[in-house]
Amino acid sequence: MTEYVSLRLQQLVPETCEHAPEPEAAGPWPEAREGPVLPGTTIRCTDEVLHRLGRIPIPFVRQMVTQKVADTARAEGVALVDVAFFERAATF
């Protein structure tokens, strides 16, 4: 059973995942790219958001939350993810 679960997780969450750059997320201003970003994206966030993501102990859950927050930020045109936005967007 453990081997099956391990194999299934590898299929669902690959070790590495490369994405094309997302220039629209940072906007036309180069200074918008300075500072911390959501892991695996170019979307800016606060240090507190990175701290909260780091407290999620299961890597694939952390990745799912990051992706959901990033998708919501793109959809709503949010340039900087703060704690209030993170808490709202990270709710499943």
C-alpha atoms as a PDB file:
ATOM      1  CA  MET A   1       0.000   0.000   0.000  1.00  0.00           C
ATOM      2  CA  THR A   2       2.807   2.437   0.851  1.00  0.00           C
ATOM      3  CA  GLU A   3       4.456   1.920  -2.547  1.00  0.00           C
ATOM      4  CA  TYR A   4       1.136   2.583  -4.270  1.00  0.00           C
ATOM      5  CA  VAL A   5       0.633   5.831  -2.343  1.00  0.00           C
ATOM      6  CA  SER A   6       4.199   6.919  -3.078  1.00  0.00           C
ATOM      7  CA  LEU A   7       3.803   6.154  -6.787  1.00  0.00           C
ATOM      8  CA  ARG A   8       0.459   7.947  -6.939  1.00  0.00           C
ATOM      9  CA  LEU A   9       1.860  11.059  -5.248  1.00  0.00           C
ATOM     10  CA  GLN A  10       4.757  11.127  -7.713  1.00  0.00           C
ATOM     11  CA  GLN A  11       2.254  11.014 -10.563  1.00  0.00           C
ATOM     12  CA  LEU A  12       0.151  13.802  -9.077  1.00  0.00           C
ATOM     13  CA  VAL A  13       2.985  16.056  -7.906  1.00  0.00           C
ATOM     14  CA  PRO A  14       6.125  15.802 -10.034  1.00  0.00           C
ATOM     15  CA  GLU A  15       9.490  16.592  -8.455  1.00  0.00           C
ATOM     16  CA  THR A  16      10.029  19.643 -10.648  1.00  0.00           C
ATOM     17  CA  CYS A  17       7.602  21.709 -12.601  1.00  0.00           C
ATOM     18  CA  GLU A  18       8.739  24.371 -15.041  1.00  0.00           C
ATOM     19  CA  HIS A  19       6.449  27.164 -16.128  1.00  0.00           C
ATOM     20  CA  ALA A  20       6.792  29.852 -18.721  1.00  0.00           C
ATOM     21  CA  PRO A  21       7.474  33.307 -17.304  1.00  0.00           C
ATOM     22  CA  GLU A  22       4.375  35.281 -16.396  1.00  0.00           C
ATOM     23  CA  PRO A  23       5.143  38.871 -17.376  1.00  0.00           C
ATOM     24  CA  GLU A  24       1.500  39.970 -17.079  1.00  0.00           C
ATOM     25  CA  ALA A  25       1.491  39.114 -13.368  1.00  0.00           C
ATOM     26  CA  ALA A  26       4.153  41.709 -12.618  1.00  0.00           C
ATOM     27  CA  GLY A  27       2.664  44.393 -14.819  1.00  0.00           C
ATOM     28  CA  PRO A  28       4.588  46.740 -17.081  1.00  0.00           C
ATOM     29  CA  TRP A  29       6.653  48.217 -14.224  1.00  0.00           C
ATOM     30  CA  PRO A  30      10.043  46.571 -13.552  1.00  0.00           C
ATOM     31  CA  GLU A  31       9.962  47.632  -9.891  1.00  0.00           C
ATOM     32  CA  ALA A  32       6.870  45.443  -9.457  1.00  0.00           C
ATOM     33  CA  ARG A  33       9.190  42.442  -9.732  1.00  0.00           C
ATOM     34  CA  GLU A  34      11.280  43.391  -6.696  1.00  0.00           C
ATOM     35  CA  GLY A  35      10.669  41.697  -3.366  1.00  0.00           C
ATOM     36  CA  PRO A  36       9.389  38.261  -2.372  1.00  0.00           C
ATOM     37  CA  VAL A  37       7.196  36.292  -4.761  1.00  0.00           C
ATOM     38  CA  LEU A  38       4.881  33.319  -4.393  1.00  0.00           C
ATOM     39  CA  PRO A  39       7.014  30.195  -4.974  1.00  0.00           C
ATOM     40  CA  GLY A  40       7.000  29.113  -8.617  1.00  0.00           C
ATOM     41  CA  THR A  41       5.386  32.362  -9.819  1.00  0.00           C
ATOM     42  CA  THR A  42       6.260  35.988 -10.463  1.00  0.00           C
ATOM     43  CA  ILE A  43       3.427  37.269  -8.271  1.00  0.00           C
ATOM     44  CA  ARG A  44       4.693  39.476  -5.455  1.00  0.00           C
ATOM     45  CA  CYS A  45       3.730  38.768  -1.874  1.00  0.00           C
ATOM     46  CA  THR A  46       4.629  39.905   1.612  1.00  0.00           C
ATOM     47  CA  ASP A  47       7.123  38.173   3.889  1.00  0.00           C
ATOM     48  CA  GLU A  48       4.246  37.188   6.187  1.00  0.00           C
ATOM     49  CA  VAL A  49       2.554  35.319   3.300  1.00  0.00           C
ATOM     50  CA  LEU A  50       5.786  33.376   2.675  1.00  0.00           C
ATOM     51  CA  HIS A  51       5.968  32.615   6.399  1.00  0.00           C
ATOM     52  CA  ARG A  52       2.394  31.289   6.400  1.00  0.00           C
ATOM     53  CA  LEU A  53       3.056  29.151   3.337  1.00  0.00           C
ATOM     54  CA  GLY A  54       6.158  27.764   5.038  1.00  0.00           C
ATOM     55  CA  ARG A  55       4.063  26.636   7.992  1.00  0.00           C
ATOM     56  CA  ILE A  56       2.091  24.230   5.763  1.00  0.00           C
ATOM     57  CA  PRO A  57       3.903  20.949   6.511  1.00  0.00           C
ATOM     58  CA  ILE A  58       2.829  18.866   3.499  1.00  0.00           C
ATOM     59  CA  PRO A  59       4.625  19.966   0.289  1.00  0.00           C
ATOM     60  CA  PHE A  60       1.880  19.113  -2.202  1.00  0.00           C
ATOM     61  CA  VAL A  61      -0.737  20.873  -0.046  1.00  0.00           C
ATOM     62  CA  ARG A  62       1.548  23.928   0.136  1.00  0.00           C
ATOM     63  CA  GLN A  63       1.866  23.779  -3.657  1.00  0.00           C
ATOM     64  CA  MET A  64      -1.925  23.524  -4.100  1.00  0.00           C
ATOM     65  CA  VAL A  65      -2.512  26.518  -1.805  1.00  0.00           C
ATOM     66  CA  THR A  66       0.157  28.547  -3.616  1.00  0.00           C
ATOM     67  CA  GLN A  67      -1.413  27.719  -6.982  1.00  0.00           C
ATOM     68  CA  LYS A  68      -4.913  28.633  -5.806  1.00  0.00           C
ATOM     69  CA  VAL A  69      -3.720  31.966  -4.397  1.00  0.00           C
ATOM     70  CA  ALA A  70      -1.735  32.705  -7.585  1.00  0.00           C
ATOM     71  CA  ASP A  71      -4.709  31.854  -9.822  1.00  0.00           C
ATOM     72  CA  THR A  72      -7.007  34.077  -7.755  1.00  0.00           C
ATOM     73  CA  ALA A  73      -4.466  36.929  -7.801  1.00  0.00           C
ATOM     74  CA  ARG A  74      -4.190  36.701 -11.600  1.00  0.00           C
ATOM     75  CA  ALA A  75      -7.969  36.564 -12.039  1.00  0.00           C
ATOM     76  CA  GLU A  76      -8.499  39.610  -9.825  1.00  0.00           C
ATOM     77  CA  GLY A  77      -5.468  41.539 -11.095  1.00  0.00           C
ATOM     78  CA  VAL A  78      -3.819  41.718  -7.673  1.00  0.00           C
ATOM     79  CA  ALA A  79      -0.213  42.944  -7.893  1.00  0.00           C
ATOM     80  CA  LEU A  80       0.778  42.207  -4.271  1.00  0.00           C
ATOM     81  CA  VAL A  81      -0.607  39.338  -2.194  1.00  0.00           C
ATOM     82  CA  ASP A  82      -0.968  40.431   1.420  1.00  0.00           C
ATOM     83  CA  VAL A  83      -2.187  38.408   4.412  1.00  0.00           C
ATOM     84  CA  ALA A  84      -5.833  39.470   4.036  1.00  0.00           C
ATOM     85  CA  PHE A  85      -5.908  38.448   0.361  1.00  0.00           C
ATOM     86  CA  PHE A  86      -4.005  35.229   1.121  1.00  0.00           C
ATOM     87  CA  GLU A  87      -6.500  34.196   3.808  1.00  0.00           C
ATOM     88  CA  ARG A  88      -9.445  34.850   1.490  1.00  0.00           C
ATOM     89  CA  ALA A  89      -7.901  33.217  -1.593  1.00  0.00           C
ATOM     90  CA  ALA A  90      -6.437  30.186   0.207  1.00  0.00           C
ATOM     91  CA  THR A  91      -9.856  29.009   1.413  1.00  0.00           C
ATOM     92  CA  PHE A  92     -11.057  25.927  -0.467  1.00  0.00           C
END
